[in-house]
Each structure stands twice: as structure tokens, then as C-alpha cells.
């Protein structure tokens, strides 16, 4: 996903979803600090929190 607009659209859709969602990705300041702040995350196999 290349643009901030696309990231924001996905975040809006995921927040509106009533089901449990699993999202896999990479560290990104927009996502980490704004769009998904406060959501539950889990560590990967190497112990890095995502």
C-alpha cells in the first residue's frame, strides 16, 4: 500500500469492522503513531512488537 490515502482508507474500514481482524505489515510512523494507536498488537517470531 503506497499512499497515505490508501492507509487511511484501510484503517477506516478496519475500525468499522465488527469482526476480529488480523493485519500484517511493517513499521510505519503514520500507522504506528496515528492510524492504529491503541489497537492490540503482538510480537513476531523475533520478538519485535507490531
Protein backbone atom coordinates (compact mmCIF):
# COMPACT_ATOMS: atom_id res chain seq x y z
CA UNK A 1 0.00 0.00 0.00
CA UNK A 2 1.79 3.08 -1.16
CA UNK A 3 -0.12 6.19 -0.23
CA UNK A 4 -1.32 7.81 2.98
CA UNK A 5 -4.81 7.96 1.42
CA UNK A 6 -4.81 4.18 0.96
CA UNK A 7 -3.53 3.61 4.52
CA UNK A 8 -6.22 5.91 5.91
CA UNK A 9 -8.94 4.17 3.88
CA UNK A 10 -7.88 0.76 5.14
CA UNK A 11 -7.72 1.98 8.74
CA UNK A 12 -11.22 3.43 8.45
CA UNK A 13 -12.58 0.17 7.06
CA UNK A 14 -10.85 -1.91 9.76
CA UNK A 15 -12.14 0.29 12.58
CA UNK A 16 -15.68 -0.10 11.21
CA UNK A 17 -15.34 -3.89 11.02
CA UNK A 18 -17.22 -5.73 13.77
CA UNK A 19 -15.16 -8.90 13.40
CA UNK A 20 -11.67 -9.66 14.67
CA UNK A 21 -9.09 -8.56 12.13
CA UNK A 22 -5.51 -9.72 11.66
CA UNK A 23 -3.30 -7.20 9.90
CA UNK A 24 0.27 -7.98 8.97
CA UNK A 25 2.65 -5.25 7.91
CA UNK A 26 5.78 -3.28 8.59
CA UNK A 27 6.57 -0.43 10.96
CA UNK A 28 5.32 2.90 9.64
CA UNK A 29 5.02 6.14 11.64
CA UNK A 30 1.62 7.01 10.17
CA UNK A 31 0.21 3.60 11.06
CA UNK A 32 2.04 3.14 14.37
CA UNK A 33 1.51 6.64 15.80
CA UNK A 34 -1.81 7.71 14.30
CA UNK A 35 -4.00 5.22 12.48
CA UNK A 36 -3.68 2.14 14.70
CA UNK A 37 -2.63 3.68 18.01
CA UNK A 38 -4.44 1.96 20.83
CA UNK A 39 -5.08 -1.26 18.94
CA UNK A 40 -3.79 -4.54 20.31
CA UNK A 41 -0.59 -5.81 18.72
CA UNK A 42 1.55 -8.89 19.10
CA UNK A 43 5.23 -9.65 18.80
CA UNK A 44 6.53 -11.51 15.79
CA UNK A 45 8.73 -14.62 15.91
CA UNK A 46 11.80 -12.42 16.52
CA UNK A 47 10.27 -10.61 19.49
CA UNK A 48 9.63 -7.36 17.62
CA UNK A 49 6.36 -5.77 18.68
CA UNK A 50 3.97 -4.99 15.87
